[in-house]
Amino acid sequence: MAILQGISIGLGPNGELRYPFDQGRSRNSKIPGVGEFQCYDKNMLGLLKLYAEASGNPLWGLGGPHDAPFYDQTPDSNRFFKDHGGSWETPYGDFFLKWYSQELVSHASRLLSLASSVFADTGVSIFGKVPMVHSWYRSRAHPSELTAGFYNTEKRDGYDSIAEVFAKNSCKVILPGMDLLDEDFPNNTLSSPQSLLRQIRAACSKHGIDISGQNSSSVAVPEGGFHRMKENLSIPDGCSSGLFIYERMGAYFFSPEHFHSFTAFVRSISQPQTDMDDLPEEQKVGANEPLLPMASDSGAHLQAA
């Protein structure tokens, strides 16, 4: 068996395929901002200028949207992302978002095709991480996804082209945030990690791409998170690869309130659930850990990072 079985290709910030659109939540902000378009360096402005000239609208290539919010502002802070009458729905908005998202797709294509050629015929699996930008997902514009580089709105699927590139290069997807529930986030953020996860999984399933799961980047797994991860690993959509990456192996990881739940989670995905009637009498006490059943041939594997 090969010592090196898989390699993850860094595609952007935190290894994820996205622009560095988000500077983190401001200390004074109670809800996340939408982020900001990353198109103002010399290289991006030059590419935008060429694209605008080729489209017959050279004045559209002078810079990014003038009416988009800043990093920590909400969608309604300016006109571009407004749900109704926003510039994202105008011909200019469509022009800019197509260019901006296509640059990200092209970036992924270049890196993954290079990795695919290097590791061809080695038996090594190639992985790339697609982020879960779930803030404002329930709005029509999906502003945080747009600034991150995914032209995904109420009217447009922004993940199909991403999945197509991964499939073309025989690359598997690492998908973080499998422990998140919609209820973990304030309603006024219009966040829906569960809906976004379903959409990305559907795109991967369509193109025959295997998905590896990962927990979110927060320090603590939210309440119900282990149960949710187990559910997501058990979805019979044909795209689960059986690999799960668990991040943040710090002090909290080994704390009594966390480690017991973690070990129970690992046991539940690596071996079939034991029926209470099959246990010796002395082991039945305390053996009713609330775990979801998983078939013994699931082939699930967990890796700590």
C-alpha atoms as a PDB file:
ATOM      1  CA  MET A   1       0.000   0.000   0.000  1.00  0.00           C
ATOM      2  CA  ALA A   2       1.289   3.458  -0.871  1.00  0.00           C
ATOM      3  CA  ILE A   3       2.468   5.567   2.074  1.00  0.00           C
ATOM      4  CA  LEU A   4       0.963   8.685   0.484  1.00  0.00           C
ATOM      5  CA  GLN A   5      -2.649   8.003  -0.438  1.00  0.00           C
ATOM      6  CA  GLY A   6      -4.013  11.501  -0.878  1.00  0.00           C
ATOM      7  CA  ILE A   7      -2.908  15.096  -1.175  1.00  0.00           C
ATOM      8  CA  SER A   8      -4.868  18.293  -0.561  1.00  0.00           C
ATOM      9  CA  ILE A   9      -4.136  21.138  -2.964  1.00  0.00           C
ATOM     10  CA  GLY A  10      -4.232  24.603  -1.401  1.00  0.00           C
ATOM     11  CA  LEU A  11      -6.516  26.729  -3.559  1.00  0.00           C
ATOM     12  CA  GLY A  12      -6.759  29.935  -1.531  1.00  0.00           C
ATOM     13  CA  PRO A  13      -7.120  31.300   2.018  1.00  0.00           C
ATOM     14  CA  ASN A  14      -7.188  28.453   4.569  1.00  0.00           C
ATOM     15  CA  GLY A  15      -6.623  26.143   1.615  1.00  0.00           C
ATOM     16  CA  GLU A  16     -10.123  26.907   0.312  1.00  0.00           C
ATOM     17  CA  LEU A  17     -11.162  27.814  -3.220  1.00  0.00           C
ATOM     18  CA  ARG A  18     -12.228  31.429  -2.684  1.00  0.00           C
ATOM     19  CA  TYR A  19     -11.088  35.013  -2.743  1.00  0.00           C
ATOM     20  CA  PRO A  20      -9.902  36.540   0.587  1.00  0.00           C
ATOM     21  CA  PHE A  21     -13.220  38.364   0.740  1.00  0.00           C
ATOM     22  CA  ASP A  22     -13.712  38.310   4.505  1.00  0.00           C
ATOM     23  CA  GLN A  23     -11.611  40.015   7.183  1.00  0.00           C
ATOM     24  CA  GLY A  24     -13.561  38.472  10.024  1.00  0.00           C
ATOM     25  CA  ARG A  25     -16.368  39.964  12.016  1.00  0.00           C
ATOM     26  CA  SER A  26     -15.771  43.396  13.514  1.00  0.00           C
ATOM     27  CA  ARG A  27     -15.623  43.505  17.310  1.00  0.00           C
ATOM     28  CA  ASN A  28     -18.574  45.898  17.330  1.00  0.00           C
ATOM     29  CA  SER A  29     -20.632  43.912  14.828  1.00  0.00           C
ATOM     30  CA  LYS A  30     -23.261  41.405  15.963  1.00  0.00           C
ATOM     31  CA  ILE A  31     -23.835  39.979  12.489  1.00  0.00           C
ATOM     32  CA  PRO A  32     -21.349  39.114   9.725  1.00  0.00           C
ATOM     33  CA  GLY A  33     -20.635  41.541   6.925  1.00  0.00           C
ATOM     34  CA  VAL A  34     -20.922  40.531   3.287  1.00  0.00           C
ATOM     35  CA  GLY A  35     -17.208  40.820   2.556  1.00  0.00           C
ATOM     36  CA  GLU A  36     -15.687  42.777  -0.304  1.00  0.00           C
ATOM     37  CA  PHE A  37     -14.831  42.107  -3.937  1.00  0.00           C
ATOM     38  CA  GLN A  38     -11.116  41.445  -4.516  1.00  0.00           C
ATOM     39  CA  CYS A  39     -10.547  43.087  -7.880  1.00  0.00           C
ATOM     40  CA  TYR A  40      -8.473  46.185  -7.207  1.00  0.00           C
ATOM     41  CA  ASP A  41      -4.872  45.048  -7.597  1.00  0.00           C
ATOM     42  CA  LYS A  42      -2.999  45.784 -10.823  1.00  0.00           C
ATOM     43  CA  ASN A  43      -3.396  42.271 -12.237  1.00  0.00           C
ATOM     44  CA  MET A  44      -7.141  41.961 -11.633  1.00  0.00           C
ATOM     45  CA  LEU A  45      -7.862  45.454 -12.943  1.00  0.00           C
ATOM     46  CA  GLY A  46      -5.926  44.613 -16.096  1.00  0.00           C
ATOM     47  CA  LEU A  47      -7.921  41.412 -16.612  1.00  0.00           C
ATOM     48  CA  LEU A  48     -11.194  43.240 -15.976  1.00  0.00           C
ATOM     49  CA  LYS A  49     -10.245  45.916 -18.509  1.00  0.00           C
ATOM     50  CA  LEU A  50      -9.530  43.305 -21.196  1.00  0.00           C
ATOM     51  CA  TYR A  51     -12.782  41.470 -20.454  1.00  0.00           C
ATOM     52  CA  ALA A  52     -14.817  44.683 -20.645  1.00  0.00           C
ATOM     53  CA  GLU A  53     -13.244  45.678 -23.951  1.00  0.00           C
ATOM     54  CA  ALA A  54     -13.892  42.225 -25.401  1.00  0.00           C
ATOM     55  CA  SER A  55     -17.523  42.462 -24.332  1.00  0.00           C
ATOM     56  CA  GLY A  56     -17.974  45.814 -26.048  1.00  0.00           C
ATOM     57  CA  ASN A  57     -18.374  47.776 -22.803  1.00  0.00           C
ATOM     58  CA  PRO A  58     -14.939  49.304 -22.063  1.00  0.00           C
ATOM     59  CA  LEU A  59     -16.295  51.690 -19.427  1.00  0.00           C
ATOM     60  CA  TRP A  60     -17.318  48.694 -17.308  1.00  0.00           C
ATOM     61  CA  GLY A  61     -13.674  47.714 -16.962  1.00  0.00           C
ATOM     62  CA  LEU A  62     -12.487  50.770 -15.045  1.00  0.00           C
ATOM     63  CA  GLY A  63     -13.002  49.192 -11.623  1.00  0.00           C
ATOM     64  CA  GLY A  64     -15.243  47.098  -9.429  1.00  0.00           C
ATOM     65  CA  PRO A  65     -18.830  47.960  -8.439  1.00  0.00           C
ATOM     66  CA  HIS A  66     -19.046  51.450  -6.959  1.00  0.00           C
ATOM     67  CA  ASP A  67     -22.155  50.648  -4.933  1.00  0.00           C
ATOM     68  CA  ALA A  68     -21.030  47.477  -3.119  1.00  0.00           C
ATOM     69  CA  PRO A  69     -20.736  47.443   0.709  1.00  0.00           C
ATOM     70  CA  PHE A  70     -17.448  47.187   2.594  1.00  0.00           C
ATOM     71  CA  TYR A  71     -16.177  44.120   4.480  1.00  0.00           C
ATOM     72  CA  ASP A  72     -18.223  44.382   7.667  1.00  0.00           C
ATOM     73  CA  GLN A  73     -21.366  45.974   6.231  1.00  0.00           C
ATOM     74  CA  THR A  74     -24.696  44.249   5.697  1.00  0.00           C
ATOM     75  CA  PRO A  75     -26.271  43.709   2.247  1.00  0.00           C
ATOM     76  CA  ASP A  76     -28.625  46.668   2.571  1.00  0.00           C
ATOM     77  CA  SER A  77     -25.807  49.100   3.423  1.00  0.00           C
ATOM     78  CA  ASN A  78     -25.541  49.971  -0.245  1.00  0.00           C
ATOM     79  CA  ARG A  79     -27.364  49.242  -3.480  1.00  0.00           C
ATOM     80  CA  PHE A  80     -25.445  46.397  -5.119  1.00  0.00           C
ATOM     81  CA  PHE A  81     -26.760  43.490  -3.005  1.00  0.00           C
ATOM     82  CA  LYS A  82     -30.270  44.728  -2.291  1.00  0.00           C
ATOM     83  CA  ASP A  83     -32.726  41.879  -2.713  1.00  0.00           C
ATOM     84  CA  HIS A  84     -35.006  43.959  -4.911  1.00  0.00           C
ATOM     85  CA  GLY A  85     -33.591  46.515  -7.314  1.00  0.00           C
ATOM     86  CA  GLY A  86     -29.981  45.663  -6.517  1.00  0.00           C
ATOM     87  CA  SER A  87     -27.243  46.198  -9.104  1.00  0.00           C
ATOM     88  CA  TRP A  88     -26.415  42.481  -9.075  1.00  0.00           C
ATOM     89  CA  GLU A  89     -29.516  41.945 -11.238  1.00  0.00           C
ATOM     90  CA  THR A  90     -28.569  44.563 -13.846  1.00  0.00           C
ATOM     91  CA  PRO A  91     -26.655  43.853 -17.084  1.00  0.00           C
ATOM     92  CA  TYR A  92     -23.563  45.408 -15.501  1.00  0.00           C
ATOM     93  CA  GLY A  93     -23.924  43.272 -12.390  1.00  0.00           C
ATOM     94  CA  ASP A  94     -24.219  40.114 -14.470  1.00  0.00           C
ATOM     95  CA  PHE A  95     -21.190  41.154 -16.536  1.00  0.00           C
ATOM     96  CA  PHE A  96     -19.028  41.759 -13.477  1.00  0.00           C
ATOM     97  CA  LEU A  97     -20.100  38.673 -11.523  1.00  0.00           C
ATOM     98  CA  LYS A  98     -19.529  36.387 -14.511  1.00  0.00           C
ATOM     99  CA  TRP A  99     -16.008  37.738 -14.931  1.00  0.00           C
ATOM    100  CA  TYR A 100     -15.198  37.663 -11.201  1.00  0.00           C
ATOM    101  CA  SER A 101     -16.422  34.095 -10.706  1.00  0.00           C
ATOM    102  CA  GLN A 102     -14.822  32.849 -13.922  1.00  0.00           C
ATOM    103  CA  GLU A 103     -11.423  34.078 -12.739  1.00  0.00           C
ATOM    104  CA  LEU A 104     -11.830  31.854  -9.671  1.00  0.00           C
ATOM    105  CA  VAL A 105     -12.891  28.886 -11.811  1.00  0.00           C
ATOM    106  CA  SER A 106      -9.882  29.439 -14.088  1.00  0.00           C
ATOM    107  CA  HIS A 107      -7.593  29.596 -11.055  1.00  0.00           C
ATOM    108  CA  ALA A 108      -8.942  26.250  -9.834  1.00  0.00           C
ATOM    109  CA  SER A 109      -8.586  24.737 -13.279  1.00  0.00           C
ATOM    110  CA  ARG A 110      -4.925  25.758 -13.556  1.00  0.00           C
ATOM    111  CA  LEU A 111      -3.928  24.379 -10.164  1.00  0.00           C
ATOM    112  CA  LEU A 112      -5.947  21.165 -10.304  1.00  0.00           C
ATOM    113  CA  SER A 113      -4.864  20.328 -13.845  1.00  0.00           C
ATOM    114  CA  LEU A 114      -1.235  20.767 -12.799  1.00  0.00           C
ATOM    115  CA  ALA A 115      -1.737  18.538  -9.754  1.00  0.00           C
ATOM    116  CA  SER A 116      -3.569  15.981 -11.862  1.00  0.00           C
ATOM    117  CA  SER A 117      -0.695  15.785 -14.338  1.00  0.00           C
ATOM    118  CA  VAL A 118       1.927  15.499 -11.587  1.00  0.00           C
ATOM    119  CA  PHE A 119       0.154  12.717  -9.698  1.00  0.00           C
ATOM    120  CA  ALA A 120      -1.265  10.865 -12.690  1.00  0.00           C
ATOM    121  CA  ASP A 121      -0.835   7.085 -12.521  1.00  0.00           C
ATOM    122  CA  THR A 122       0.495   7.220  -8.935  1.00  0.00           C
ATOM    123  CA  GLY A 123      -2.669   6.054  -7.208  1.00  0.00           C
ATOM    124  CA  VAL A 124      -2.653   9.204  -5.071  1.00  0.00           C
ATOM    125  CA  SER A 125      -6.043  10.898  -4.658  1.00  0.00           C
ATOM    126  CA  ILE A 126      -6.227  14.667  -5.169  1.00  0.00           C
ATOM    127  CA  PHE A 127      -8.408  16.793  -2.893  1.00  0.00           C
ATOM    128  CA  GLY A 128      -9.452  20.443  -2.976  1.00  0.00           C
ATOM    129  CA  LYS A 129     -11.450  22.342  -0.371  1.00  0.00           C
ATOM    130  CA  VAL A 130     -14.649  24.185  -1.328  1.00  0.00           C
ATOM    131  CA  PRO A 131     -15.795  26.629   1.392  1.00  0.00           C
ATOM    132  CA  MET A 132     -19.192  26.797   3.033  1.00  0.00           C
ATOM    133  CA  VAL A 133     -19.994  30.509   2.710  1.00  0.00           C
ATOM    134  CA  HIS A 134     -23.430  30.220   4.260  1.00  0.00           C
ATOM    135  CA  SER A 135     -24.047  33.738   5.626  1.00  0.00           C
ATOM    136  CA  TRP A 136     -26.909  35.489   3.795  1.00  0.00           C
ATOM    137  CA  TYR A 137     -27.698  32.302   1.862  1.00  0.00           C
ATOM    138  CA  ARG A 138     -31.445  32.835   2.334  1.00  0.00           C
ATOM    139  CA  SER A 139     -31.330  36.228   0.615  1.00  0.00           C
ATOM    140  CA  ARG A 140     -31.925  36.465  -3.125  1.00  0.00           C
ATOM    141  CA  ALA A 141     -28.464  37.814  -3.920  1.00  0.00           C
ATOM    142  CA  HIS A 142     -26.321  35.531  -1.693  1.00  0.00           C
ATOM    143  CA  PRO A 143     -23.858  38.447  -1.244  1.00  0.00           C
ATOM    144  CA  SER A 144     -21.130  36.689   0.757  1.00  0.00           C
ATOM    145  CA  GLU A 145     -20.920  33.934  -1.835  1.00  0.00           C
ATOM    146  CA  LEU A 146     -20.641  36.555  -4.575  1.00  0.00           C
ATOM    147  CA  THR A 147     -17.737  38.378  -2.923  1.00  0.00           C
ATOM    148  CA  ALA A 148     -16.087  34.998  -2.229  1.00  0.00           C
ATOM    149  CA  GLY A 149     -16.204  34.273  -5.968  1.00  0.00           C
ATOM    150  CA  PHE A 150     -19.248  32.039  -6.396  1.00  0.00           C
ATOM    151  CA  TYR A 151     -21.883  33.456  -8.744  1.00  0.00           C
ATOM    152  CA  ASN A 152     -24.632  31.731  -6.827  1.00  0.00           C
ATOM    153  CA  THR A 153     -27.954  33.545  -6.449  1.00  0.00           C
ATOM    154  CA  GLU A 154     -31.638  32.750  -6.216  1.00  0.00           C
ATOM    155  CA  LYS A 155     -31.663  32.470 -10.015  1.00  0.00           C
ATOM    156  CA  ARG A 156     -28.245  30.925 -10.738  1.00  0.00           C
ATOM    157  CA  ASP A 157     -26.280  27.858  -9.624  1.00  0.00           C
ATOM    158  CA  GLY A 158     -22.731  28.937  -8.846  1.00  0.00           C
ATOM    159  CA  TYR A 159     -21.348  25.518  -7.955  1.00  0.00           C
ATOM    160  CA  ASP A 160     -21.973  23.509 -11.104  1.00  0.00           C
ATOM    161  CA  SER A 161     -18.984  25.040 -12.920  1.00  0.00           C
ATOM    162  CA  ILE A 162     -16.797  24.408  -9.869  1.00  0.00           C
ATOM    163  CA  ALA A 163     -17.856  20.766  -9.706  1.00  0.00           C
ATOM    164  CA  GLU A 164     -17.219  20.416 -13.430  1.00  0.00           C
ATOM    165  CA  VAL A 165     -13.592  21.541 -13.004  1.00  0.00           C
ATOM    166  CA  PHE A 166     -13.051  19.133 -10.109  1.00  0.00           C
ATOM    167  CA  ALA A 167     -14.528  16.272 -12.134  1.00  0.00           C
ATOM    168  CA  LYS A 168     -12.441  17.102 -15.203  1.00  0.00           C
ATOM    169  CA  ASN A 169      -9.283  16.773 -13.115  1.00  0.00           C
ATOM    170  CA  SER A 170     -10.422  13.700 -11.135  1.00  0.00           C
ATOM    171  CA  CYS A 171     -10.264  15.714  -7.924  1.00  0.00           C
ATOM    172  CA  LYS A 172     -12.270  15.020  -4.778  1.00  0.00           C
ATOM    173  CA  VAL A 173     -13.904  17.751  -2.703  1.00  0.00           C
ATOM    174  CA  ILE A 174     -13.250  18.486   0.962  1.00  0.00           C
ATOM    175  CA  LEU A 175     -16.371  20.130   2.322  1.00  0.00           C
ATOM    176  CA  PRO A 176     -16.123  21.812   5.750  1.00  0.00           C
ATOM    177  CA  GLY A 177     -19.020  22.705   7.996  1.00  0.00           C
ATOM    178  CA  MET A 178     -20.707  19.306   8.191  1.00  0.00           C
ATOM    179  CA  ASP A 179     -21.359  19.916  11.889  1.00  0.00           C
ATOM    180  CA  LEU A 180     -23.370  23.099  11.358  1.00  0.00           C
ATOM    181  CA  LEU A 181     -27.120  23.540  11.686  1.00  0.00           C
ATOM    182  CA  ASP A 182     -29.225  26.477  10.535  1.00  0.00           C
ATOM    183  CA  GLU A 183     -30.387  26.961  14.117  1.00  0.00           C
ATOM    184  CA  ASP A 184     -26.798  27.661  15.246  1.00  0.00           C
ATOM    185  CA  PHE A 185     -26.970  31.116  13.643  1.00  0.00           C
ATOM    186  CA  PRO A 186     -29.121  34.196  14.345  1.00  0.00           C
ATOM    187  CA  ASN A 187     -32.094  34.478  12.036  1.00  0.00           C
ATOM    188  CA  ASN A 188     -31.127  37.996  10.947  1.00  0.00           C
ATOM    189  CA  THR A 189     -27.954  36.653   9.255  1.00  0.00           C
ATOM    190  CA  LEU A 190     -30.167  34.687   6.822  1.00  0.00           C
ATOM    191  CA  SER A 191     -27.627  31.884   7.152  1.00  0.00           C
ATOM    192  CA  SER A 192     -28.371  28.342   6.009  1.00  0.00           C
ATOM    193  CA  PRO A 193     -25.404  25.951   6.081  1.00  0.00           C
ATOM    194  CA  GLN A 194     -27.737  22.993   5.637  1.00  0.00           C
ATOM    195  CA  SER A 195     -29.244  24.350   2.408  1.00  0.00           C
ATOM    196  CA  LEU A 196     -25.823  25.258   1.035  1.00  0.00           C
ATOM    197  CA  LEU A 197     -24.476  21.809   1.868  1.00  0.00           C
ATOM    198  CA  ARG A 198     -27.362  20.207  -0.025  1.00  0.00           C
ATOM    199  CA  GLN A 199     -26.715  22.409  -3.058  1.00  0.00           C
ATOM    200  CA  ILE A 200     -22.986  21.666  -3.214  1.00  0.00           C
ATOM    201  CA  ARG A 201     -23.576  17.945  -2.676  1.00  0.00           C
ATOM    202  CA  ALA A 202     -26.086  17.956  -5.524  1.00  0.00           C
ATOM    203  CA  ALA A 203     -23.516  19.538  -7.866  1.00  0.00           C
ATOM    204  CA  CYS A 204     -20.888  16.984  -6.817  1.00  0.00           C
ATOM    205  CA  SER A 205     -23.318  14.099  -7.240  1.00  0.00           C
ATOM    206  CA  LYS A 206     -24.253  15.350 -10.718  1.00  0.00           C
ATOM    207  CA  HIS A 207     -20.606  15.281 -11.812  1.00  0.00           C
ATOM    208  CA  GLY A 208     -19.673  12.083  -9.959  1.00  0.00           C
ATOM    209  CA  ILE A 209     -17.327  13.724  -7.444  1.00  0.00           C
ATOM    210  CA  ASP A 210     -16.488  12.131  -4.098  1.00  0.00           C
ATOM    211  CA  ILE A 211     -16.895  14.334  -1.015  1.00  0.00           C
ATOM    212  CA  SER A 212     -14.810  14.192   2.155  1.00  0.00           C
ATOM    213  CA  GLY A 213     -16.308  15.858   5.207  1.00  0.00           C
ATOM    214  CA  GLN A 214     -14.748  18.271   7.668  1.00  0.00           C
ATOM    215  CA  ASN A 215     -15.984  20.051  10.764  1.00  0.00           C
ATOM    216  CA  SER A 216     -16.186  23.839  10.877  1.00  0.00           C
ATOM    217  CA  SER A 217     -13.249  26.005  11.891  1.00  0.00           C
ATOM    218  CA  SER A 218     -14.778  27.029  15.213  1.00  0.00           C
ATOM    219  CA  VAL A 219     -13.078  25.873  18.425  1.00  0.00           C
ATOM    220  CA  ALA A 220     -16.029  23.876  19.711  1.00  0.00           C
ATOM    221  CA  VAL A 221     -18.395  21.607  17.834  1.00  0.00           C
ATOM    222  CA  PRO A 222     -21.864  23.153  18.277  1.00  0.00           C
ATOM    223  CA  GLU A 223     -24.562  21.307  20.172  1.00  0.00           C
ATOM    224  CA  GLY A 224     -25.836  18.487  17.995  1.00  0.00           C
ATOM    225  CA  GLY A 225     -22.796  18.824  15.729  1.00  0.00           C
ATOM    226  CA  PHE A 226     -21.584  15.239  16.074  1.00  0.00           C
ATOM    227  CA  HIS A 227     -25.074  13.966  15.329  1.00  0.00           C
ATOM    228  CA  ARG A 228     -25.226  16.188  12.257  1.00  0.00           C
ATOM    229  CA  MET A 229     -21.804  15.049  11.011  1.00  0.00           C
ATOM    230  CA  LYS A 230     -22.933  11.443  11.355  1.00  0.00           C
ATOM    231  CA  GLU A 231     -26.081  12.184   9.363  1.00  0.00           C
ATOM    232  CA  ASN A 232     -24.110  13.891   6.592  1.00  0.00           C
ATOM    233  CA  LEU A 233     -21.690  10.986   6.341  1.00  0.00           C
ATOM    234  CA  SER A 234     -24.640   8.616   5.989  1.00  0.00           C
ATOM    235  CA  ILE A 235     -26.510  10.386   3.158  1.00  0.00           C
ATOM    236  CA  PRO A 236     -26.977   7.833   0.341  1.00  0.00           C
ATOM    237  CA  ASP A 237     -26.339  10.219  -2.566  1.00  0.00           C
ATOM    238  CA  GLY A 238     -23.383   8.305  -3.940  1.00  0.00           C
ATOM    239  CA  CYS A 239     -20.793  11.038  -3.396  1.00  0.00           C
ATOM    240  CA  SER A 240     -19.518  10.377   0.146  1.00  0.00           C
ATOM    241  CA  SER A 241     -15.916   9.153  -0.020  1.00  0.00           C
ATOM    242  CA  GLY A 242     -15.870   7.731   3.505  1.00  0.00           C
ATOM    243  CA  LEU A 243     -13.175  10.151   4.702  1.00  0.00           C
ATOM    244  CA  PHE A 244     -13.746  12.731   7.429  1.00  0.00           C
ATOM    245  CA  ILE A 245     -11.182  15.302   8.570  1.00  0.00           C
ATOM    246  CA  TYR A 246     -11.507  16.580  12.134  1.00  0.00           C
ATOM    247  CA  GLU A 247      -9.839  19.958  12.755  1.00  0.00           C
ATOM    248  CA  ARG A 248      -8.794  21.851  15.888  1.00  0.00           C
ATOM    249  CA  MET A 249      -6.972  19.245  17.984  1.00  0.00           C
ATOM    250  CA  GLY A 250      -6.233  21.685  20.848  1.00  0.00           C
ATOM    251  CA  ALA A 251      -6.799  21.826  24.602  1.00  0.00           C
ATOM    252  CA  TYR A 252     -10.586  21.772  24.296  1.00  0.00           C
ATOM    253  CA  PHE A 253     -10.339  18.668  22.119  1.00  0.00           C
ATOM    254  CA  PHE A 254      -9.091  16.623  25.103  1.00  0.00           C
ATOM    255  CA  SER A 255     -11.393  18.198  27.689  1.00  0.00           C
ATOM    256  CA  PRO A 256     -13.845  15.873  29.509  1.00  0.00           C
ATOM    257  CA  GLU A 257     -16.898  17.647  28.076  1.00  0.00           C
ATOM    258  CA  HIS A 258     -15.675  17.098  24.509  1.00  0.00           C
ATOM    259  CA  PHE A 259     -13.468  14.025  24.258  1.00  0.00           C
ATOM    260  CA  HIS A 260     -16.157  11.547  25.329  1.00  0.00           C
ATOM    261  CA  SER A 261     -18.497  12.784  22.596  1.00  0.00           C
ATOM    262  CA  PHE A 262     -15.684  12.716  20.054  1.00  0.00           C
ATOM    263  CA  THR A 263     -14.641   9.134  20.826  1.00  0.00           C
ATOM    264  CA  ALA A 264     -18.272   8.002  20.685  1.00  0.00           C
ATOM    265  CA  PHE A 265     -18.560   9.693  17.286  1.00  0.00           C
ATOM    266  CA  VAL A 266     -15.426   7.941  16.000  1.00  0.00           C
ATOM    267  CA  ARG A 267     -16.649   4.550  17.210  1.00  0.00           C
ATOM    268  CA  SER A 268     -20.012   5.112  15.588  1.00  0.00           C
ATOM    269  CA  ILE A 269     -18.572   5.706  12.113  1.00  0.00           C
ATOM    270  CA  SER A 270     -15.859   3.044  12.247  1.00  0.00           C
ATOM    271  CA  GLN A 271     -17.923   0.124  13.524  1.00  0.00           C
ATOM    272  CA  PRO A 272     -21.589  -0.932  13.461  1.00  0.00           C
ATOM    273  CA  GLN A 273     -23.845   0.121  16.294  1.00  0.00           C
ATOM    274  CA  THR A 274     -24.105  -2.618  18.911  1.00  0.00           C
ATOM    275  CA  ASP A 275     -27.595  -3.576  19.933  1.00  0.00           C
ATOM    276  CA  MET A 276     -28.275  -3.398  23.679  1.00  0.00           C
ATOM    277  CA  ASP A 277     -29.469  -7.010  23.688  1.00  0.00           C
ATOM    278  CA  ASP A 278     -26.067  -8.133  22.389  1.00  0.00           C
ATOM    279  CA  LEU A 279     -24.145  -6.611  25.302  1.00  0.00           C
ATOM    280  CA  PRO A 280     -23.221  -8.448  28.528  1.00  0.00           C
ATOM    281  CA  GLU A 281     -25.322  -7.351  31.501  1.00  0.00           C
ATOM    282  CA  GLU A 282     -22.394  -5.516  33.148  1.00  0.00           C
ATOM    283  CA  GLN A 283     -21.869  -3.389  30.016  1.00  0.00           C
ATOM    284  CA  LYS A 284     -25.473  -2.326  29.509  1.00  0.00           C
ATOM    285  CA  VAL A 285     -25.303   0.383  32.160  1.00  0.00           C
ATOM    286  CA  GLY A 286     -24.326   3.651  30.479  1.00  0.00           C
ATOM    287  CA  ALA A 287     -24.180   2.026  27.067  1.00  0.00           C
ATOM    288  CA  ASN A 288     -27.102   3.956  25.600  1.00  0.00           C
ATOM    289  CA  GLU A 289     -25.030   6.658  23.885  1.00  0.00           C
ATOM    290  CA  PRO A 290     -27.406   8.366  21.404  1.00  0.00           C
ATOM    291  CA  LEU A 291     -25.727   7.505  18.120  1.00  0.00           C
ATOM    292  CA  LEU A 292     -27.059   7.043  14.626  1.00  0.00           C
ATOM    293  CA  PRO A 293     -26.684   3.546  13.167  1.00  0.00           C
ATOM    294  CA  MET A 294     -24.206   3.090  10.341  1.00  0.00           C
ATOM    295  CA  ALA A 295     -23.656  -0.031   8.275  1.00  0.00           C
ATOM    296  CA  SER A 296     -20.472  -1.970   9.025  1.00  0.00           C
ATOM    297  CA  ASP A 297     -19.392  -1.746   5.398  1.00  0.00           C
ATOM    298  CA  SER A 298     -19.585   2.054   5.313  1.00  0.00           C
ATOM    299  CA  GLY A 299     -15.822   2.304   4.931  1.00  0.00           C
ATOM    300  CA  ALA A 300     -15.731   5.613   6.798  1.00  0.00           C
ATOM    301  CA  HIS A 301     -12.339   6.825   7.982  1.00  0.00           C
ATOM    302  CA  LEU A 302     -11.486   9.777  10.216  1.00  0.00           C
ATOM    303  CA  GLN A 303      -8.360  11.901  10.119  1.00  0.00           C
ATOM    304  CA  ALA A 304      -7.385  14.545  12.683  1.00  0.00           C
ATOM    305  CA  ALA A 305      -5.811  17.788  11.508  1.00  0.00           C
END
